[in-house]
Amino acid sequence: MAIPDYQKIMLPFLKLTLDQKEHSKRQVFDALTEEFKLTDDERKELLPSGQQAVFDNRVGWARTHLVKAGLLDQTRRGYFRITIRGLDVLKQNPPGINLNFLNQFDEFREFRSLRRETGRTTITEEKSEQGKTPAEIIEGAYRRLRDDLARDLLQQIKKSPPSLFENIVVDLLVKMGYGGSHADAGKAIGRTGDEGVDGVINEDRLGLEMVYIQAKRWENTVGRPDVQSFAGALQGKHARKGVFMTTSGFSEEAKAFVKGIESKIILIDGNLLADLMIEYNIGLSQGATYQMKKIDSDYFLGD
């Protein structure tokens, strides 16, 4: 079964509290996991940020909406109990609980109205009605912006002169902790005249082990012969580790080849190269930043 959206979670969530006892978030989460027969992979699936599980996020938003509608009462941090209104709703035996159903309650309409008036929403709320939580909407938008940036960055790299591409490789490797100082890394990597760079660079600042680098600013897919030639170069330099970067991609044969050899060769295609440049802030300037905050419930518990 696919991970249910938060509106489909609301009715099963409320039913789990029918005994009128205080329930913890963890108890309900585990029970809902069994209710929807989620697999381990589905339970572990994360939002794009990697900070929270998708199902956990949706259960949290289901709880928030039930509380705002007065069907649940939050008794203390992470704990809640069904209200008289919640019991009345279950007596009606509704086929489901969604945003339209909750709109019958004044508190819930006020909650949604306040979100619109403060500009937190309309688009977010409309998309939420399609089953996504606000956090999923925000993180999905962030992922799309990042993917667009990666594509634009890769195109920019491909249009750059060979000398600039060499600098990009050096800057990235130094930011990732290779090569010692920037000057040392720059000396280690030399031009080859084929719109790429080849060289040997320190794996760490002490130079305990060397890594052989090859980078190709290509449009065509890098095949096994090129990677095999690179592996031979490693043996010629008595090196055990290598990094092959390209602005294009690697063939399946090339990927299979590096898995079957003794030397450790890391293949970095154009997509990964762009992602690494974004992660280490290479060739980028800082734009607007936004923080997602939440209530610190411990603060309000008092001494």
C-alpha atoms as a PDB file:
ATOM      1  CA  MET A   1       0.000   0.000   0.000  1.00  0.00           C
ATOM      2  CA  ALA A   2       1.247   3.489  -0.857  1.00  0.00           C
ATOM      3  CA  ILE A   3       1.767   5.992   1.955  1.00  0.00           C
ATOM      4  CA  PRO A   4      -1.667   7.555   2.607  1.00  0.00           C
ATOM      5  CA  ASP A   5      -2.103  11.321   2.486  1.00  0.00           C
ATOM      6  CA  TYR A   6      -2.789  13.094   5.756  1.00  0.00           C
ATOM      7  CA  GLN A   7      -6.533  13.444   5.118  1.00  0.00           C
ATOM      8  CA  LYS A   8      -6.921   9.659   4.802  1.00  0.00           C
ATOM      9  CA  ILE A   9      -5.079   9.300   8.093  1.00  0.00           C
ATOM     10  CA  MET A  10      -7.460  11.502  10.096  1.00  0.00           C
ATOM     11  CA  LEU A  11     -10.376   9.087  10.606  1.00  0.00           C
ATOM     12  CA  PRO A  12      -8.222   6.048  11.582  1.00  0.00           C
ATOM     13  CA  PHE A  13      -6.242   8.387  13.848  1.00  0.00           C
ATOM     14  CA  LEU A  14      -9.390   9.555  15.651  1.00  0.00           C
ATOM     15  CA  LYS A  15     -10.723   6.001  15.985  1.00  0.00           C
ATOM     16  CA  LEU A  16      -7.562   4.952  17.803  1.00  0.00           C
ATOM     17  CA  THR A  17      -8.453   7.378  20.587  1.00  0.00           C
ATOM     18  CA  LEU A  18     -12.026   6.116  20.990  1.00  0.00           C
ATOM     19  CA  ASP A  19     -11.169   4.587  24.401  1.00  0.00           C
ATOM     20  CA  GLN A  20     -10.934   8.185  25.745  1.00  0.00           C
ATOM     21  CA  LYS A  21      -7.506   7.471  27.249  1.00  0.00           C
ATOM     22  CA  GLU A  22      -4.467   9.676  26.849  1.00  0.00           C
ATOM     23  CA  HIS A  23      -2.390   8.518  23.893  1.00  0.00           C
ATOM     24  CA  SER A  24       1.151   9.345  22.868  1.00  0.00           C
ATOM     25  CA  LYS A  25       2.239  10.335  19.392  1.00  0.00           C
ATOM     26  CA  ARG A  26       4.457   7.242  19.194  1.00  0.00           C
ATOM     27  CA  GLN A  27       1.639   4.864  20.160  1.00  0.00           C
ATOM     28  CA  VAL A  28      -0.646   6.235  17.466  1.00  0.00           C
ATOM     29  CA  PHE A  29       2.141   6.311  14.887  1.00  0.00           C
ATOM     30  CA  ASP A  30       2.935   2.629  15.450  1.00  0.00           C
ATOM     31  CA  ALA A  31      -0.753   1.677  15.356  1.00  0.00           C
ATOM     32  CA  LEU A  32      -1.323   3.603  12.127  1.00  0.00           C
ATOM     33  CA  THR A  33       1.710   1.951  10.573  1.00  0.00           C
ATOM     34  CA  GLU A  34       0.033  -1.397  11.202  1.00  0.00           C
ATOM     35  CA  GLU A  35      -3.368  -0.056  10.088  1.00  0.00           C
ATOM     36  CA  PHE A  36      -2.049   0.947   6.675  1.00  0.00           C
ATOM     37  CA  LYS A  37       0.299  -2.068   6.423  1.00  0.00           C
ATOM     38  CA  LEU A  38       3.293   0.050   5.518  1.00  0.00           C
ATOM     39  CA  THR A  39       6.521  -1.646   4.509  1.00  0.00           C
ATOM     40  CA  ASP A  40       9.851  -0.812   6.147  1.00  0.00           C
ATOM     41  CA  ASP A  41      10.843   1.184   3.066  1.00  0.00           C
ATOM     42  CA  GLU A  42       7.607   3.193   3.216  1.00  0.00           C
ATOM     43  CA  ARG A  43       8.121   3.886   6.919  1.00  0.00           C
ATOM     44  CA  LYS A  44      11.661   5.109   6.240  1.00  0.00           C
ATOM     45  CA  GLU A  45      10.860   7.225   3.173  1.00  0.00           C
ATOM     46  CA  LEU A  46      12.027  10.768   3.871  1.00  0.00           C
ATOM     47  CA  LEU A  47      10.956  14.215   2.782  1.00  0.00           C
ATOM     48  CA  PRO A  48      13.332  15.862   0.263  1.00  0.00           C
ATOM     49  CA  SER A  49      15.215  17.555   3.113  1.00  0.00           C
ATOM     50  CA  GLY A  50      15.966  14.172   4.678  1.00  0.00           C
ATOM     51  CA  GLN A  51      14.996  15.587   8.069  1.00  0.00           C
ATOM     52  CA  GLN A  52      11.730  13.724   8.656  1.00  0.00           C
ATOM     53  CA  ALA A  53       9.900  10.633   7.454  1.00  0.00           C
ATOM     54  CA  VAL A  54       7.008  11.315   5.052  1.00  0.00           C
ATOM     55  CA  PHE A  55       4.546   9.192   7.052  1.00  0.00           C
ATOM     56  CA  ASP A  56       5.569  10.799  10.342  1.00  0.00           C
ATOM     57  CA  ASN A  57       5.044  14.237   8.805  1.00  0.00           C
ATOM     58  CA  ARG A  58       1.596  13.308   7.519  1.00  0.00           C
ATOM     59  CA  VAL A  59       0.533  11.799  10.845  1.00  0.00           C
ATOM     60  CA  GLY A  60       1.632  15.015  12.528  1.00  0.00           C
ATOM     61  CA  TRP A  61      -0.468  17.161  10.212  1.00  0.00           C
ATOM     62  CA  ALA A  62      -3.464  14.872  10.630  1.00  0.00           C
ATOM     63  CA  ARG A  63      -3.188  15.385  14.385  1.00  0.00           C
ATOM     64  CA  THR A  64      -2.833  19.157  13.966  1.00  0.00           C
ATOM     65  CA  HIS A  65      -6.039  19.410  11.944  1.00  0.00           C
ATOM     66  CA  LEU A  66      -7.976  17.208  14.363  1.00  0.00           C
ATOM     67  CA  VAL A  67      -6.829  19.397  17.253  1.00  0.00           C
ATOM     68  CA  LYS A  68      -7.710  22.622  15.412  1.00  0.00           C
ATOM     69  CA  ALA A  69     -11.193  21.235  14.710  1.00  0.00           C
ATOM     70  CA  GLY A  70     -11.687  20.411  18.399  1.00  0.00           C
ATOM     71  CA  LEU A  71     -11.856  16.643  17.902  1.00  0.00           C
ATOM     72  CA  LEU A  72      -8.684  16.045  19.894  1.00  0.00           C
ATOM     73  CA  ASP A  73      -7.314  17.811  22.945  1.00  0.00           C
ATOM     74  CA  GLN A  74      -3.540  18.104  23.314  1.00  0.00           C
ATOM     75  CA  THR A  75      -3.046  17.275  27.004  1.00  0.00           C
ATOM     76  CA  ARG A  76       0.728  17.717  27.169  1.00  0.00           C
ATOM     77  CA  ARG A  77       3.685  17.548  24.860  1.00  0.00           C
ATOM     78  CA  GLY A  78       3.280  14.583  22.518  1.00  0.00           C
ATOM     79  CA  TYR A  79       0.047  13.412  24.183  1.00  0.00           C
ATOM     80  CA  PHE A  80      -3.626  13.907  23.351  1.00  0.00           C
ATOM     81  CA  ARG A  81      -7.125  12.651  24.132  1.00  0.00           C
ATOM     82  CA  ILE A  82     -10.369  12.546  22.187  1.00  0.00           C
ATOM     83  CA  THR A  83     -12.906  15.264  23.031  1.00  0.00           C
ATOM     84  CA  ILE A  84     -16.676  15.076  23.391  1.00  0.00           C
ATOM     85  CA  ARG A  85     -16.923  16.524  19.903  1.00  0.00           C
ATOM     86  CA  GLY A  86     -14.589  13.834  18.619  1.00  0.00           C
ATOM     87  CA  LEU A  87     -16.778  11.145  20.173  1.00  0.00           C
ATOM     88  CA  ASP A  88     -19.856  12.702  18.595  1.00  0.00           C
ATOM     89  CA  VAL A  89     -18.164  12.643  15.189  1.00  0.00           C
ATOM     90  CA  LEU A  90     -17.341   8.948  15.502  1.00  0.00           C
ATOM     91  CA  LYS A  91     -20.954   8.213  16.505  1.00  0.00           C
ATOM     92  CA  GLN A  92     -21.957   9.588  13.089  1.00  0.00           C
ATOM     93  CA  ASN A  93     -19.827   6.832  11.515  1.00  0.00           C
ATOM     94  CA  PRO A  94     -18.483   9.095   8.712  1.00  0.00           C
ATOM     95  CA  PRO A  95     -16.879   7.352   5.711  1.00  0.00           C
ATOM     96  CA  GLY A  96     -13.900   9.642   6.098  1.00  0.00           C
ATOM     97  CA  ILE A  97     -12.632  12.890   7.600  1.00  0.00           C
ATOM     98  CA  ASN A  98     -11.123  15.531   5.340  1.00  0.00           C
ATOM     99  CA  LEU A  99     -10.791  19.313   5.216  1.00  0.00           C
ATOM    100  CA  ASN A 100     -14.307  19.753   3.857  1.00  0.00           C
ATOM    101  CA  PHE A 101     -15.705  17.682   6.716  1.00  0.00           C
ATOM    102  CA  LEU A 102     -13.781  19.714   9.314  1.00  0.00           C
ATOM    103  CA  ASN A 103     -15.043  22.989   7.824  1.00  0.00           C
ATOM    104  CA  GLN A 104     -18.331  22.474   9.704  1.00  0.00           C
ATOM    105  CA  PHE A 105     -16.574  23.525  12.909  1.00  0.00           C
ATOM    106  CA  ASP A 106     -16.129  27.237  13.658  1.00  0.00           C
ATOM    107  CA  GLU A 107     -12.674  26.813  15.207  1.00  0.00           C
ATOM    108  CA  PHE A 108     -11.386  25.045  12.135  1.00  0.00           C
ATOM    109  CA  ARG A 109     -12.787  27.641   9.740  1.00  0.00           C
ATOM    110  CA  GLU A 110     -11.180  30.337  11.896  1.00  0.00           C
ATOM    111  CA  PHE A 111      -7.882  28.470  11.787  1.00  0.00           C
ATOM    112  CA  ARG A 112      -7.937  28.294   7.991  1.00  0.00           C
ATOM    113  CA  SER A 113      -9.163  31.876   7.657  1.00  0.00           C
ATOM    114  CA  LEU A 114      -6.321  33.119   9.849  1.00  0.00           C
ATOM    115  CA  ARG A 115      -3.787  31.294   7.691  1.00  0.00           C
ATOM    116  CA  ARG A 116      -5.150  33.034   4.577  1.00  0.00           C
ATOM    117  CA  GLU A 117      -5.307  36.470   6.213  1.00  0.00           C
ATOM    118  CA  THR A 118      -1.681  36.246   7.328  1.00  0.00           C
ATOM    119  CA  GLY A 119      -0.634  35.290   3.791  1.00  0.00           C
ATOM    120  CA  ARG A 120       0.608  31.843   4.814  1.00  0.00           C
ATOM    121  CA  THR A 121      -1.370  30.174   2.269  1.00  0.00           C
ATOM    122  CA  THR A 122      -3.927  30.014  -0.318  1.00  0.00           C
ATOM    123  CA  ILE A 123      -1.739  28.003  -2.680  1.00  0.00           C
ATOM    124  CA  THR A 124      -0.419  25.849   0.135  1.00  0.00           C
ATOM    125  CA  GLU A 125      -3.897  25.183   1.441  1.00  0.00           C
ATOM    126  CA  GLU A 126      -5.270  24.320  -1.989  1.00  0.00           C
ATOM    127  CA  LYS A 127      -2.459  21.900  -2.645  1.00  0.00           C
ATOM    128  CA  SER A 128      -2.869  20.440   0.820  1.00  0.00           C
ATOM    129  CA  GLU A 129      -6.389  19.455  -0.197  1.00  0.00           C
ATOM    130  CA  GLN A 130      -4.760  17.220  -2.781  1.00  0.00           C
ATOM    131  CA  GLY A 131      -3.127  15.278   0.028  1.00  0.00           C
ATOM    132  CA  LYS A 132       0.219  16.970   0.597  1.00  0.00           C
ATOM    133  CA  THR A 133       1.153  18.580   3.856  1.00  0.00           C
ATOM    134  CA  PRO A 134       2.495  22.164   3.908  1.00  0.00           C
ATOM    135  CA  ALA A 135       5.957  20.811   4.704  1.00  0.00           C
ATOM    136  CA  GLU A 136       5.823  18.550   1.653  1.00  0.00           C
ATOM    137  CA  ILE A 137       4.743  21.471  -0.534  1.00  0.00           C
ATOM    138  CA  ILE A 138       7.621  23.633   0.695  1.00  0.00           C
ATOM    139  CA  GLU A 139      10.233  20.894   0.415  1.00  0.00           C
ATOM    140  CA  GLY A 140       8.948  19.849  -3.008  1.00  0.00           C
ATOM    141  CA  ALA A 141       9.266  23.429  -4.232  1.00  0.00           C
ATOM    142  CA  TYR A 142      12.791  23.582  -2.792  1.00  0.00           C
ATOM    143  CA  ARG A 143      13.733  20.370  -4.585  1.00  0.00           C
ATOM    144  CA  ARG A 144      12.408  21.698  -7.904  1.00  0.00           C
ATOM    145  CA  LEU A 145      14.376  24.930  -7.465  1.00  0.00           C
ATOM    146  CA  ARG A 146      17.514  22.956  -6.628  1.00  0.00           C
ATOM    147  CA  ASP A 147      17.067  20.665  -9.647  1.00  0.00           C
ATOM    148  CA  ASP A 148      16.625  23.691 -11.922  1.00  0.00           C
ATOM    149  CA  LEU A 149      19.750  25.261 -10.422  1.00  0.00           C
ATOM    150  CA  ALA A 150      21.728  22.048 -11.003  1.00  0.00           C
ATOM    151  CA  ARG A 151      20.680  21.953 -14.663  1.00  0.00           C
ATOM    152  CA  ASP A 152      21.579  25.611 -15.184  1.00  0.00           C
ATOM    153  CA  LEU A 153      24.886  25.135 -13.398  1.00  0.00           C
ATOM    154  CA  LEU A 154      25.813  22.162 -15.568  1.00  0.00           C
ATOM    155  CA  GLN A 155      25.029  24.127 -18.728  1.00  0.00           C
ATOM    156  CA  GLN A 156      27.196  26.965 -17.469  1.00  0.00           C
ATOM    157  CA  ILE A 157      30.070  24.553 -16.837  1.00  0.00           C
ATOM    158  CA  LYS A 158      29.795  23.161 -20.348  1.00  0.00           C
ATOM    159  CA  LYS A 159      30.006  26.676 -21.822  1.00  0.00           C
ATOM    160  CA  SER A 160      32.992  27.660 -19.695  1.00  0.00           C
ATOM    161  CA  PRO A 161      36.559  27.655 -21.108  1.00  0.00           C
ATOM    162  CA  PRO A 162      38.822  24.667 -20.294  1.00  0.00           C
ATOM    163  CA  SER A 163      40.939  26.712 -17.879  1.00  0.00           C
ATOM    164  CA  LEU A 164      37.870  27.631 -15.835  1.00  0.00           C
ATOM    165  CA  PHE A 165      36.797  24.016 -15.725  1.00  0.00           C
ATOM    166  CA  GLU A 166      40.192  23.172 -14.243  1.00  0.00           C
ATOM    167  CA  ASN A 167      39.635  25.810 -11.565  1.00  0.00           C
ATOM    168  CA  ILE A 168      36.198  24.397 -10.822  1.00  0.00           C
ATOM    169  CA  VAL A 169      37.689  20.951 -10.240  1.00  0.00           C
ATOM    170  CA  VAL A 170      40.407  22.342  -7.978  1.00  0.00           C
ATOM    171  CA  ASP A 171      37.968  24.508  -6.004  1.00  0.00           C
ATOM    172  CA  LEU A 172      35.595  21.596  -5.485  1.00  0.00           C
ATOM    173  CA  LEU A 173      38.277  19.137  -4.396  1.00  0.00           C
ATOM    174  CA  VAL A 174      39.755  21.603  -1.915  1.00  0.00           C
ATOM    175  CA  LYS A 175      36.309  22.380  -0.457  1.00  0.00           C
ATOM    176  CA  MET A 176      35.748  18.622  -0.083  1.00  0.00           C
ATOM    177  CA  GLY A 177      38.980  18.341   1.921  1.00  0.00           C
ATOM    178  CA  TYR A 178      41.410  17.049  -0.708  1.00  0.00           C
ATOM    179  CA  GLY A 179      44.678  18.495  -1.880  1.00  0.00           C
ATOM    180  CA  GLY A 180      45.842  20.308   1.228  1.00  0.00           C
ATOM    181  CA  SER A 181      45.966  24.015   0.395  1.00  0.00           C
ATOM    182  CA  HIS A 182      44.424  25.519  -2.730  1.00  0.00           C
ATOM    183  CA  ALA A 183      47.933  26.273  -4.044  1.00  0.00           C
ATOM    184  CA  ASP A 184      49.054  22.670  -3.549  1.00  0.00           C
ATOM    185  CA  ALA A 185      45.986  21.359  -5.346  1.00  0.00           C
ATOM    186  CA  GLY A 186      46.485  23.784  -8.218  1.00  0.00           C
ATOM    187  CA  LYS A 187      50.066  22.615  -8.707  1.00  0.00           C
ATOM    188  CA  ALA A 188      49.075  18.961  -8.589  1.00  0.00           C
ATOM    189  CA  ILE A 189      46.531  19.255 -11.382  1.00  0.00           C
ATOM    190  CA  GLY A 190      47.943  20.221 -14.770  1.00  0.00           C
ATOM    191  CA  ARG A 191      46.473  20.910 -18.181  1.00  0.00           C
ATOM    192  CA  THR A 192      46.467  18.231 -20.839  1.00  0.00           C
ATOM    193  CA  GLY A 193      45.097  20.231 -23.770  1.00  0.00           C
ATOM    194  CA  ASP A 194      42.001  18.064 -24.204  1.00  0.00           C
ATOM    195  CA  GLU A 195      39.533  20.339 -22.377  1.00  0.00           C
ATOM    196  CA  GLY A 196      40.048  18.282 -19.265  1.00  0.00           C
ATOM    197  CA  VAL A 197      42.527  17.962 -16.435  1.00  0.00           C
ATOM    198  CA  ASP A 198      44.647  15.126 -15.166  1.00  0.00           C
ATOM    199  CA  GLY A 199      46.829  14.978 -12.119  1.00  0.00           C
ATOM    200  CA  VAL A 200      47.563  13.574  -8.717  1.00  0.00           C
ATOM    201  CA  ILE A 201      46.261  15.170  -5.562  1.00  0.00           C
ATOM    202  CA  ASN A 202      46.668  14.496  -1.845  1.00  0.00           C
ATOM    203  CA  GLU A 203      43.817  12.577  -0.266  1.00  0.00           C
ATOM    204  CA  ASP A 204      44.460  14.478   2.977  1.00  0.00           C
ATOM    205  CA  ARG A 205      46.478  17.452   4.154  1.00  0.00           C
ATOM    206  CA  LEU A 206      49.347  15.244   5.275  1.00  0.00           C
ATOM    207  CA  GLY A 207      49.657  13.559   1.903  1.00  0.00           C
ATOM    208  CA  LEU A 208      49.474  10.055   3.373  1.00  0.00           C
ATOM    209  CA  GLU A 209      47.878   8.791   0.171  1.00  0.00           C
ATOM    210  CA  MET A 210      47.436  10.146  -3.334  1.00  0.00           C
ATOM    211  CA  VAL A 211      44.356  10.232  -5.528  1.00  0.00           C
ATOM    212  CA  TYR A 212      44.588  10.364  -9.311  1.00  0.00           C
ATOM    213  CA  ILE A 213      42.181  12.779 -10.964  1.00  0.00           C
ATOM    214  CA  GLN A 214      40.792  12.867 -14.477  1.00  0.00           C
ATOM    215  CA  ALA A 215      38.115  15.285 -15.635  1.00  0.00           C
ATOM    216  CA  LYS A 216      36.468  15.509 -19.040  1.00  0.00           C
ATOM    217  CA  ARG A 217      34.279  18.371 -20.163  1.00  0.00           C
ATOM    218  CA  TRP A 218      32.423  16.237 -22.657  1.00  0.00           C
ATOM    219  CA  GLU A 219      28.991  16.078 -24.239  1.00  0.00           C
ATOM    220  CA  ASN A 220      29.201  12.410 -25.217  1.00  0.00           C
ATOM    221  CA  THR A 221      28.819   9.555 -22.752  1.00  0.00           C
ATOM    222  CA  VAL A 222      32.077   8.286 -21.269  1.00  0.00           C
ATOM    223  CA  GLY A 223      32.438   4.615 -22.176  1.00  0.00           C
ATOM    224  CA  ARG A 224      34.337   1.690 -20.744  1.00  0.00           C
ATOM    225  CA  PRO A 225      37.477   2.219 -22.904  1.00  0.00           C
ATOM    226  CA  ASP A 226      38.064   5.675 -21.394  1.00  0.00           C
ATOM    227  CA  VAL A 227      37.559   4.436 -17.853  1.00  0.00           C
ATOM    228  CA  GLN A 228      39.681   1.366 -18.501  1.00  0.00           C
ATOM    229  CA  SER A 229      42.461   3.603 -19.803  1.00  0.00           C
ATOM    230  CA  PHE A 230      42.164   5.667 -16.630  1.00  0.00           C
ATOM    231  CA  ALA A 231      42.458   2.512 -14.536  1.00  0.00           C
ATOM    232  CA  GLY A 232      45.639   1.647 -16.443  1.00  0.00           C
ATOM    233  CA  ALA A 233      47.017   5.099 -15.666  1.00  0.00           C
ATOM    234  CA  LEU A 234      46.397   4.438 -11.994  1.00  0.00           C
ATOM    235  CA  GLN A 235      48.467   1.262 -12.148  1.00  0.00           C
ATOM    236  CA  GLY A 236      51.235   3.110 -13.968  1.00  0.00           C
ATOM    237  CA  LYS A 237      51.436   5.614 -11.128  1.00  0.00           C
ATOM    238  CA  HIS A 238      51.112   2.897  -8.441  1.00  0.00           C
ATOM    239  CA  ALA A 239      47.914   4.609  -7.256  1.00  0.00           C
ATOM    240  CA  ARG A 240      45.023   2.710  -5.707  1.00  0.00           C
ATOM    241  CA  LYS A 241      42.388   5.450  -5.800  1.00  0.00           C
ATOM    242  CA  GLY A 242      41.025   7.651  -8.553  1.00  0.00           C
ATOM    243  CA  VAL A 243      38.232  10.079  -9.360  1.00  0.00           C
ATOM    244  CA  PHE A 244      36.888  10.427 -12.895  1.00  0.00           C
ATOM    245  CA  MET A 245      34.735  13.534 -13.417  1.00  0.00           C
ATOM    246  CA  THR A 246      32.730  14.388 -16.498  1.00  0.00           C
ATOM    247  CA  THR A 247      30.108  16.927 -17.490  1.00  0.00           C
ATOM    248  CA  SER A 248      28.245  14.174 -19.356  1.00  0.00           C
ATOM    249  CA  GLY A 249      27.540  10.657 -18.087  1.00  0.00           C
ATOM    250  CA  PHE A 250      28.992   7.155 -17.896  1.00  0.00           C
ATOM    251  CA  SER A 251      27.833   4.103 -19.820  1.00  0.00           C
ATOM    252  CA  GLU A 252      26.520   1.088 -17.925  1.00  0.00           C
ATOM    253  CA  GLU A 253      29.569  -0.847 -19.128  1.00  0.00           C
ATOM    254  CA  ALA A 254      31.859   1.777 -17.593  1.00  0.00           C
ATOM    255  CA  LYS A 255      29.995   1.619 -14.282  1.00  0.00           C
ATOM    256  CA  ALA A 256      30.149  -2.172 -14.254  1.00  0.00           C
ATOM    257  CA  PHE A 257      33.875  -2.118 -15.030  1.00  0.00           C
ATOM    258  CA  VAL A 258      34.854  -0.038 -11.978  1.00  0.00           C
ATOM    259  CA  LYS A 259      32.908  -2.389  -9.712  1.00  0.00           C
ATOM    260  CA  GLY A 260      34.997  -5.349 -10.803  1.00  0.00           C
ATOM    261  CA  ILE A 261      38.524  -4.005 -10.445  1.00  0.00           C
ATOM    262  CA  GLU A 262      40.847  -3.844  -7.460  1.00  0.00           C
ATOM    263  CA  SER A 263      41.493  -0.110  -7.704  1.00  0.00           C
ATOM    264  CA  LYS A 264      38.897   2.203  -6.173  1.00  0.00           C
ATOM    265  CA  ILE A 265      37.572   4.539  -8.879  1.00  0.00           C
ATOM    266  CA  ILE A 266      34.765   6.988  -8.171  1.00  0.00           C
ATOM    267  CA  LEU A 267      32.735   8.114 -11.171  1.00  0.00           C
ATOM    268  CA  ILE A 268      31.256  11.608 -10.944  1.00  0.00           C
ATOM    269  CA  ASP A 269      28.861  12.427 -13.786  1.00  0.00           C
ATOM    270  CA  GLY A 270      27.498  15.840 -14.666  1.00  0.00           C
ATOM    271  CA  ASN A 271      24.470  15.595 -12.387  1.00  0.00           C
ATOM    272  CA  LEU A 272      26.534  14.606  -9.367  1.00  0.00           C
ATOM    273  CA  LEU A 273      29.135  17.259 -10.205  1.00  0.00           C
ATOM    274  CA  ALA A 274      26.441  19.943 -10.181  1.00  0.00           C
ATOM    275  CA  ASP A 275      24.999  18.610  -6.912  1.00  0.00           C
ATOM    276  CA  LEU A 276      28.428  18.688  -5.272  1.00  0.00           C
ATOM    277  CA  MET A 277      29.017  22.235  -6.461  1.00  0.00           C
ATOM    278  CA  ILE A 278      25.706  23.264  -4.908  1.00  0.00           C
ATOM    279  CA  GLU A 279      26.492  21.429  -1.665  1.00  0.00           C
ATOM    280  CA  TYR A 280      29.930  23.029  -1.369  1.00  0.00           C
ATOM    281  CA  ASN A 281      28.813  26.398  -2.755  1.00  0.00           C
ATOM    282  CA  ILE A 282      31.120  26.480  -5.787  1.00  0.00           C
ATOM    283  CA  GLY A 283      30.303  29.202  -8.333  1.00  0.00           C
ATOM    284  CA  LEU A 284      27.186  30.258  -6.434  1.00  0.00           C
ATOM    285  CA  SER A 285      26.060  33.295  -4.472  1.00  0.00           C
ATOM    286  CA  GLN A 286      23.730  33.209  -1.485  1.00  0.00           C
ATOM    287  CA  GLY A 287      20.119  34.138  -2.125  1.00  0.00           C
ATOM    288  CA  ALA A 288      17.252  34.487   0.323  1.00  0.00           C
ATOM    289  CA  THR A 289      17.111  31.971   3.160  1.00  0.00           C
ATOM    290  CA  TYR A 290      14.079  30.724   5.064  1.00  0.00           C
ATOM    291  CA  GLN A 291      13.827  28.912   8.370  1.00  0.00           C
ATOM    292  CA  MET A 292      11.045  26.484   9.262  1.00  0.00           C
ATOM    293  CA  LYS A 293      10.319  26.879  12.969  1.00  0.00           C
ATOM    294  CA  LYS A 294       8.057  25.000  15.354  1.00  0.00           C
ATOM    295  CA  ILE A 295       6.785  25.506  18.874  1.00  0.00           C
ATOM    296  CA  ASP A 296       9.200  24.552  21.672  1.00  0.00           C
ATOM    297  CA  SER A 297       6.653  22.839  23.913  1.00  0.00           C
ATOM    298  CA  ASP A 298       9.187  22.463  26.770  1.00  0.00           C
ATOM    299  CA  TYR A 299       9.354  26.242  27.057  1.00  0.00           C
ATOM    300  CA  PHE A 300       5.666  26.410  27.945  1.00  0.00           C
ATOM    301  CA  LEU A 301       5.727  23.587  30.489  1.00  0.00           C
ATOM    302  CA  GLY A 302       7.278  25.838  33.144  1.00  0.00           C
ATOM    303  CA  ASP A 303       9.433  24.644  36.036  1.00  0.00           C
END
